Amino acid sequence: MNCPYCGNAIPKERVKILRATGRAMCCVKCSAETPRLVLMEYGHKTAGYAVIVPRGSEQRALRCYRRSR
């Protein structure tokens, strides 16, 4: 499948994920999505888990993360 904006080929894995999530079909270069900040939370000794930080509160989350470490 090709990107409707630039005509470059879209990898099969990306097409599969975009279809599954219902997002617009486009290549990485033409995408309007921005990367999200993900921090690891270690609430217990061993198993940490990923926490996706909402947009707009990245600076506050980083301050809290640094303070708790």
PDB file of N, CA and C in Angstrom:
ATOM      1  N   MET A   1       0.844  -1.174   0.000  1.00  0.00           N
ATOM      2  CA  MET A   1       0.000   0.000   0.000  1.00  0.00           C
ATOM      3  C   MET A   1       0.892   1.240   0.000  1.00  0.00           C
ATOM      4  N   ASN A   2       0.465   2.281  -0.699  1.00  0.00           N
ATOM      5  CA  ASN A   2       1.223   3.524  -0.794  1.00  0.00           C
ATOM      6  C   ASN A   2       0.541   4.643  -0.014  1.00  0.00           C
ATOM      7  N   CYS A   3       1.361   5.584   0.446  1.00  0.00           N
ATOM      8  CA  CYS A   3       0.861   6.744   1.178  1.00  0.00           C
ATOM      9  C   CYS A   3       0.094   7.654   0.210  1.00  0.00           C
ATOM     10  N   PRO A   4      -1.114   8.103   0.580  1.00  0.00           N
ATOM     11  CA  PRO A   4      -1.871   8.972  -0.316  1.00  0.00           C
ATOM     12  C   PRO A   4      -1.285  10.383  -0.451  1.00  0.00           C
ATOM     13  N   TYR A   5      -0.417  10.773   0.465  1.00  0.00           N
ATOM     14  CA  TYR A   5       0.143  12.124   0.445  1.00  0.00           C
ATOM     15  C   TYR A   5       1.421  12.217  -0.374  1.00  0.00           C
ATOM     16  N   CYS A   6       2.356  11.272  -0.165  1.00  0.00           N
ATOM     17  CA  CYS A   6       3.650  11.364  -0.856  1.00  0.00           C
ATOM     18  C   CYS A   6       3.881  10.229  -1.850  1.00  0.00           C
ATOM     19  N   GLY A   7       3.121   9.157  -1.772  1.00  0.00           N
ATOM     20  CA  GLY A   7       3.260   8.051  -2.705  1.00  0.00           C
ATOM     21  C   GLY A   7       4.280   7.000  -2.295  1.00  0.00           C
ATOM     22  N   ASN A   8       4.953   7.163  -1.153  1.00  0.00           N
ATOM     23  CA  ASN A   8       5.922   6.166  -0.683  1.00  0.00           C
ATOM     24  C   ASN A   8       5.190   4.932  -0.172  1.00  0.00           C
ATOM     25  N   ALA A   9       5.882   3.799  -0.216  1.00  0.00           N
ATOM     26  CA  ALA A   9       5.306   2.545   0.261  1.00  0.00           C
ATOM     27  C   ALA A   9       5.213   2.554   1.788  1.00  0.00           C
ATOM     28  N   ILE A  10       4.111   2.032   2.313  1.00  0.00           N
ATOM     29  CA  ILE A  10       3.906   1.916   3.750  1.00  0.00           C
ATOM     30  C   ILE A  10       4.214   0.472   4.132  1.00  0.00           C
ATOM     31  N   PRO A  11       5.072   0.243   5.142  1.00  0.00           N
ATOM     32  CA  PRO A  11       5.387  -1.133   5.552  1.00  0.00           C
ATOM     33  C   PRO A  11       4.136  -1.904   5.983  1.00  0.00           C
ATOM     34  N   LYS A  12       4.168  -3.222   5.761  1.00  0.00           N
ATOM     35  CA  LYS A  12       3.018  -4.078   6.071  1.00  0.00           C
ATOM     36  C   LYS A  12       2.629  -4.006   7.546  1.00  0.00           C
ATOM     37  N   GLU A  13       3.636  -3.956   8.428  1.00  0.00           N
ATOM     38  CA  GLU A  13       3.345  -3.907   9.864  1.00  0.00           C
ATOM     39  C   GLU A  13       2.596  -2.632  10.224  1.00  0.00           C
ATOM     40  N   ARG A  14       2.992  -1.514   9.621  1.00  0.00           N
ATOM     41  CA  ARG A  14       2.328  -0.237   9.899  1.00  0.00           C
ATOM     42  C   ARG A  14       0.890  -0.250   9.383  1.00  0.00           C
ATOM     43  N   VAL A  15       0.676  -0.811   8.207  1.00  0.00           N
ATOM     44  CA  VAL A  15      -0.681  -0.895   7.647  1.00  0.00           C
ATOM     45  C   VAL A  15      -1.572  -1.721   8.567  1.00  0.00           C
ATOM     46  N   LYS A  16      -1.024  -2.825   9.076  1.00  0.00           N
ATOM     47  CA  LYS A  16      -1.797  -3.694   9.960  1.00  0.00           C
ATOM     48  C   LYS A  16      -2.198  -2.949  11.243  1.00  0.00           C
ATOM     49  N   ILE A  17      -1.257  -2.215  11.833  1.00  0.00           N
ATOM     50  CA  ILE A  17      -1.541  -1.478  13.073  1.00  0.00           C
ATOM     51  C   ILE A  17      -2.523  -0.335  12.815  1.00  0.00           C
ATOM     52  N   LEU A  18      -2.346   0.390  11.713  1.00  0.00           N
ATOM     53  CA  LEU A  18      -3.252   1.505  11.409  1.00  0.00           C
ATOM     54  C   LEU A  18      -4.672   1.013  11.177  1.00  0.00           C
ATOM     55  N   ARG A  19      -4.815  -0.120  10.514  1.00  0.00           N
ATOM     56  CA  ARG A  19      -6.157  -0.683  10.299  1.00  0.00           C
ATOM     57  C   ARG A  19      -6.780  -1.115  11.618  1.00  0.00           C
ATOM     58  N   ALA A  20      -5.973  -1.734  12.484  1.00  0.00           N
ATOM     59  CA  ALA A  20      -6.492  -2.230  13.762  1.00  0.00           C
ATOM     60  C   ALA A  20      -6.925  -1.088  14.677  1.00  0.00           C
ATOM     61  N   THR A  21      -6.231   0.050  14.603  1.00  0.00           N
ATOM     62  CA  THR A  21      -6.562   1.176  15.485  1.00  0.00           C
ATOM     63  C   THR A  21      -7.508   2.184  14.841  1.00  0.00           C
ATOM     64  N   GLY A  22      -7.801   2.032  13.554  1.00  0.00           N
ATOM     65  CA  GLY A  22      -8.730   2.928  12.880  1.00  0.00           C
ATOM     66  C   GLY A  22      -8.151   4.287  12.533  1.00  0.00           C
ATOM     67  N   ARG A  23      -6.837   4.375  12.412  1.00  0.00           N
ATOM     68  CA  ARG A  23      -6.189   5.644  12.085  1.00  0.00           C
ATOM     69  C   ARG A  23      -6.024   5.786  10.582  1.00  0.00           C
ATOM     70  N   ALA A  24      -5.719   7.010  10.151  1.00  0.00           N
ATOM     71  CA  ALA A  24      -5.559   7.305   8.730  1.00  0.00           C
ATOM     72  C   ALA A  24      -4.315   6.605   8.186  1.00  0.00           C
ATOM     73  N   MET A  25      -4.425   6.084   6.966  1.00  0.00           N
ATOM     74  CA  MET A  25      -3.304   5.417   6.324  1.00  0.00           C
ATOM     75  C   MET A  25      -2.338   6.446   5.766  1.00  0.00           C
ATOM     76  N   CYS A  26      -1.143   6.514   6.334  1.00  0.00           N
ATOM     77  CA  CYS A  26      -0.090   7.376   5.810  1.00  0.00           C
ATOM     78  C   CYS A  26       1.249   6.869   6.328  1.00  0.00           C
ATOM     79  N   CYS A  27       2.322   7.281   5.671  1.00  0.00           N
ATOM     80  CA  CYS A  27       3.658   6.856   6.090  1.00  0.00           C
ATOM     81  C   CYS A  27       4.086   7.648   7.328  1.00  0.00           C
ATOM     82  N   VAL A  28       5.221   7.272   7.897  1.00  0.00           N
ATOM     83  CA  VAL A  28       5.707   7.914   9.118  1.00  0.00           C
ATOM     84  C   VAL A  28       6.032   9.386   8.860  1.00  0.00           C
ATOM     85  N   LYS A  29       6.591   9.693   7.699  1.00  0.00           N
ATOM     86  CA  LYS A  29       6.973  11.075   7.380  1.00  0.00           C
ATOM     87  C   LYS A  29       5.759  12.000   7.282  1.00  0.00           C
ATOM     88  N   CYS A  30       4.649  11.496   6.791  1.00  0.00           N
ATOM     89  CA  CYS A  30       3.447  12.321   6.602  1.00  0.00           C
ATOM     90  C   CYS A  30       2.500  12.287   7.807  1.00  0.00           C
ATOM     91  N   SER A  31       2.813  11.499   8.809  1.00  0.00           N
ATOM     92  CA  SER A  31       1.940  11.351   9.964  1.00  0.00           C
ATOM     93  C   SER A  31       1.919  12.622  10.807  1.00  0.00           C
ATOM     94  N   ALA A  32       0.767  12.945  11.350  1.00  0.00           N
ATOM     95  CA  ALA A  32       0.612  14.110  12.220  1.00  0.00           C
ATOM     96  C   ALA A  32       0.707  13.722  13.697  1.00  0.00           C
ATOM     97  N   GLU A  33       0.882  12.422  13.988  1.00  0.00           N
ATOM     98  CA  GLU A  33       1.004  11.948  15.369  1.00  0.00           C
ATOM     99  C   GLU A  33       2.319  12.420  15.966  1.00  0.00           C
ATOM    100  N   THR A  34       2.286  12.774  17.237  1.00  0.00           N
ATOM    101  CA  THR A  34       3.505  13.159  17.938  1.00  0.00           C
ATOM    102  C   THR A  34       3.864  12.058  18.936  1.00  0.00           C
ATOM    103  N   PRO A  35       5.154  11.867  19.194  1.00  0.00           N
ATOM    104  CA  PRO A  35       5.547  10.838  20.158  1.00  0.00           C
ATOM    105  C   PRO A  35       5.025  11.150  21.553  1.00  0.00           C
ATOM    106  N   ARG A  36       4.700  10.122  22.288  1.00  0.00           N
ATOM    107  CA  ARG A  36       4.200  10.279  23.652  1.00  0.00           C
ATOM    108  C   ARG A  36       5.320   9.968  24.628  1.00  0.00           C
ATOM    109  N   LEU A  37       5.268  10.595  25.784  1.00  0.00           N
ATOM    110  CA  LEU A  37       6.229  10.350  26.845  1.00  0.00           C
ATOM    111  C   LEU A  37       5.748   9.162  27.664  1.00  0.00           C
ATOM    112  N   VAL A  38       6.632   8.190  27.840  1.00  0.00           N
ATOM    113  CA  VAL A  38       6.319   7.001  28.632  1.00  0.00           C
ATOM    114  C   VAL A  38       7.385   6.865  29.704  1.00  0.00           C
ATOM    115  N   LEU A  39       6.970   6.779  30.952  1.00  0.00           N
ATOM    116  CA  LEU A  39       7.877   6.617  32.082  1.00  0.00           C
ATOM    117  C   LEU A  39       7.604   5.271  32.751  1.00  0.00           C
ATOM    118  N   MET A  40       8.638   4.715  33.350  1.00  0.00           N
ATOM    119  CA  MET A  40       8.487   3.450  34.065  1.00  0.00           C
ATOM    120  C   MET A  40       8.174   3.736  35.531  1.00  0.00           C
ATOM    121  N   GLU A  41       7.144   3.109  36.040  1.00  0.00           N
ATOM    122  CA  GLU A  41       6.745   3.245  37.444  1.00  0.00           C
ATOM    123  C   GLU A  41       7.118   1.956  38.169  1.00  0.00           C
ATOM    124  N   TYR A  42       7.903   2.102  39.228  1.00  0.00           N
ATOM    125  CA  TYR A  42       8.318   0.952  40.016  1.00  0.00           C
ATOM    126  C   TYR A  42       7.650   1.050  41.374  1.00  0.00           C
ATOM    127  N   GLY A  43       6.412   0.621  41.466  1.00  0.00           N
ATOM    128  CA  GLY A  43       5.667   0.686  42.715  1.00  0.00           C
ATOM    129  C   GLY A  43       6.069  -0.401  43.685  1.00  0.00           C
ATOM    130  N   HIS A  44       6.742  -1.417  43.183  1.00  0.00           N
ATOM    131  CA  HIS A  44       7.197  -2.516  44.023  1.00  0.00           C
ATOM    132  C   HIS A  44       8.646  -2.803  43.670  1.00  0.00           C
ATOM    133  N   LYS A  45       9.246  -3.753  44.338  1.00  0.00           N
ATOM    134  CA  LYS A  45      10.665  -4.015  44.141  1.00  0.00           C
ATOM    135  C   LYS A  45      11.001  -4.520  42.748  1.00  0.00           C
ATOM    136  N   THR A  46      10.180  -5.344  42.156  1.00  0.00           N
ATOM    137  CA  THR A  46      10.599  -6.046  40.947  1.00  0.00           C
ATOM    138  C   THR A  46       9.919  -5.558  39.679  1.00  0.00           C
ATOM    139  N   ALA A  47       8.653  -5.731  39.566  1.00  0.00           N
ATOM    140  CA  ALA A  47       7.979  -5.548  38.283  1.00  0.00           C
ATOM    141  C   ALA A  47       7.526  -4.107  38.088  1.00  0.00           C
ATOM    142  N   GLY A  48       8.221  -3.376  37.230  1.00  0.00           N
ATOM    143  CA  GLY A  48       7.788  -2.031  36.878  1.00  0.00           C
ATOM    144  C   GLY A  48       6.768  -2.093  35.751  1.00  0.00           C
ATOM    145  N   TYR A  49       6.056  -0.999  35.550  1.00  0.00           N
ATOM    146  CA  TYR A  49       5.095  -0.948  34.450  1.00  0.00           C
ATOM    147  C   TYR A  49       5.170   0.422  33.786  1.00  0.00           C
ATOM    148  N   ALA A  50       4.822   0.466  32.516  1.00  0.00           N
ATOM    149  CA  ALA A  50       4.899   1.696  31.732  1.00  0.00           C
ATOM    150  C   ALA A  50       3.685   2.573  32.006  1.00  0.00           C
ATOM    151  N   VAL A  51       3.926   3.873  32.161  1.00  0.00           N
ATOM    152  CA  VAL A  51       2.862   4.856  32.374  1.00  0.00           C
ATOM    153  C   VAL A  51       2.937   5.857  31.231  1.00  0.00           C
ATOM    154  N   ILE A  52       1.870   5.975  30.453  1.00  0.00           N
ATOM    155  CA  ILE A  52       1.816   6.939  29.353  1.00  0.00           C
ATOM    156  C   ILE A  52       1.369   8.274  29.922  1.00  0.00           C
ATOM    157  N   VAL A  53       2.202   9.288  29.725  1.00  0.00           N
ATOM    158  CA  VAL A  53       1.930  10.614  30.285  1.00  0.00           C
ATOM    159  C   VAL A  53       1.012  11.370  29.320  1.00  0.00           C
ATOM    160  N   PRO A  54      -0.082  11.959  29.814  1.00  0.00           N
ATOM    161  CA  PRO A  54      -0.977  12.729  28.941  1.00  0.00           C
ATOM    162  C   PRO A  54      -0.279  13.955  28.362  1.00  0.00           C
ATOM    163  N   ARG A  55      -0.720  14.376  27.203  1.00  0.00           N
ATOM    164  CA  ARG A  55      -0.144  15.560  26.568  1.00  0.00           C
ATOM    165  C   ARG A  55      -0.421  16.791  27.425  1.00  0.00           C
ATOM    166  N   GLY A  56       0.584  17.659  27.525  1.00  0.00           N
ATOM    167  CA  GLY A  56       0.430  18.885  28.284  1.00  0.00           C
ATOM    168  C   GLY A  56       0.978  18.812  29.695  1.00  0.00           C
ATOM    169  N   SER A  57       1.237  17.610  30.199  1.00  0.00           N
ATOM    170  CA  SER A  57       1.746  17.503  31.564  1.00  0.00           C
ATOM    171  C   SER A  57       3.106  16.802  31.607  1.00  0.00           C
ATOM    172  N   GLU A  58       3.858  16.895  30.517  1.00  0.00           N
ATOM    173  CA  GLU A  58       5.150  16.214  30.447  1.00  0.00           C
ATOM    174  C   GLU A  58       6.152  16.772  31.452  1.00  0.00           C
ATOM    175  N   GLN A  59       6.250  18.106  31.547  1.00  0.00           N
ATOM    176  CA  GLN A  59       7.228  18.719  32.454  1.00  0.00           C
ATOM    177  C   GLN A  59       6.944  18.356  33.908  1.00  0.00           C
ATOM    178  N   ARG A  60       5.696  18.395  34.284  1.00  0.00           N
ATOM    179  CA  ARG A  60       5.328  18.051  35.660  1.00  0.00           C
ATOM    180  C   ARG A  60       5.629  16.587  35.949  1.00  0.00           C
ATOM    181  N   ALA A  61       5.335  15.724  34.998  1.00  0.00           N
ATOM    182  CA  ALA A  61       5.593  14.302  35.192  1.00  0.00           C
ATOM    183  C   ALA A  61       7.086  14.027  35.315  1.00  0.00           C
ATOM    184  N   LEU A  62       7.899  14.708  34.521  1.00  0.00           N
ATOM    185  CA  LEU A  62       9.345  14.514  34.605  1.00  0.00           C
ATOM    186  C   LEU A  62       9.889  15.000  35.941  1.00  0.00           C
ATOM    187  N   ARG A  63       9.386  16.120  36.452  1.00  0.00           N
ATOM    188  CA  ARG A  63       9.823  16.604  37.766  1.00  0.00           C
ATOM    189  C   ARG A  63       9.483  15.596  38.855  1.00  0.00           C
ATOM    190  N   CYS A  64       8.267  15.082  38.827  1.00  0.00           N
ATOM    191  CA  CYS A  64       7.847  14.081  39.824  1.00  0.00           C
ATOM    192  C   CYS A  64       8.663  12.800  39.693  1.00  0.00           C
ATOM    193  N   TYR A  65       8.938  12.403  38.468  1.00  0.00           N
ATOM    194  CA  TYR A  65       9.703  11.172  38.219  1.00  0.00           C
ATOM    195  C   TYR A  65      11.118  11.305  38.772  1.00  0.00           C
ATOM    196  N   ARG A  66      11.760  12.443  38.511  1.00  0.00           N
ATOM    197  CA  ARG A  66      13.124  12.665  39.000  1.00  0.00           C
ATOM    198  C   ARG A  66      13.161  12.750  40.524  1.00  0.00           C
ATOM    199  N   ARG A  67      12.134  13.345  41.109  1.00  0.00           N
ATOM    200  CA  ARG A  67      12.085  13.513  42.555  1.00  0.00           C
ATOM    201  C   ARG A  67      11.910  12.166  43.254  1.00  0.00           C
ATOM    202  N   SER A  68      11.154  11.275  42.666  1.00  0.00           N
ATOM    203  CA  SER A  68      10.852  10.002  43.316  1.00  0.00           C
ATOM    204  C   SER A  68      11.955   8.979  43.121  1.00  0.00           C
ATOM    205  N   ARG A  69      12.893   9.223  42.260  1.00  0.00           N
ATOM    206  CA  ARG A  69      13.945   8.237  41.983  1.00  0.00           C
ATOM    207  C   ARG A  69      15.076   8.349  42.952  1.00  0.00           C
TER     208      ARG A  69
END
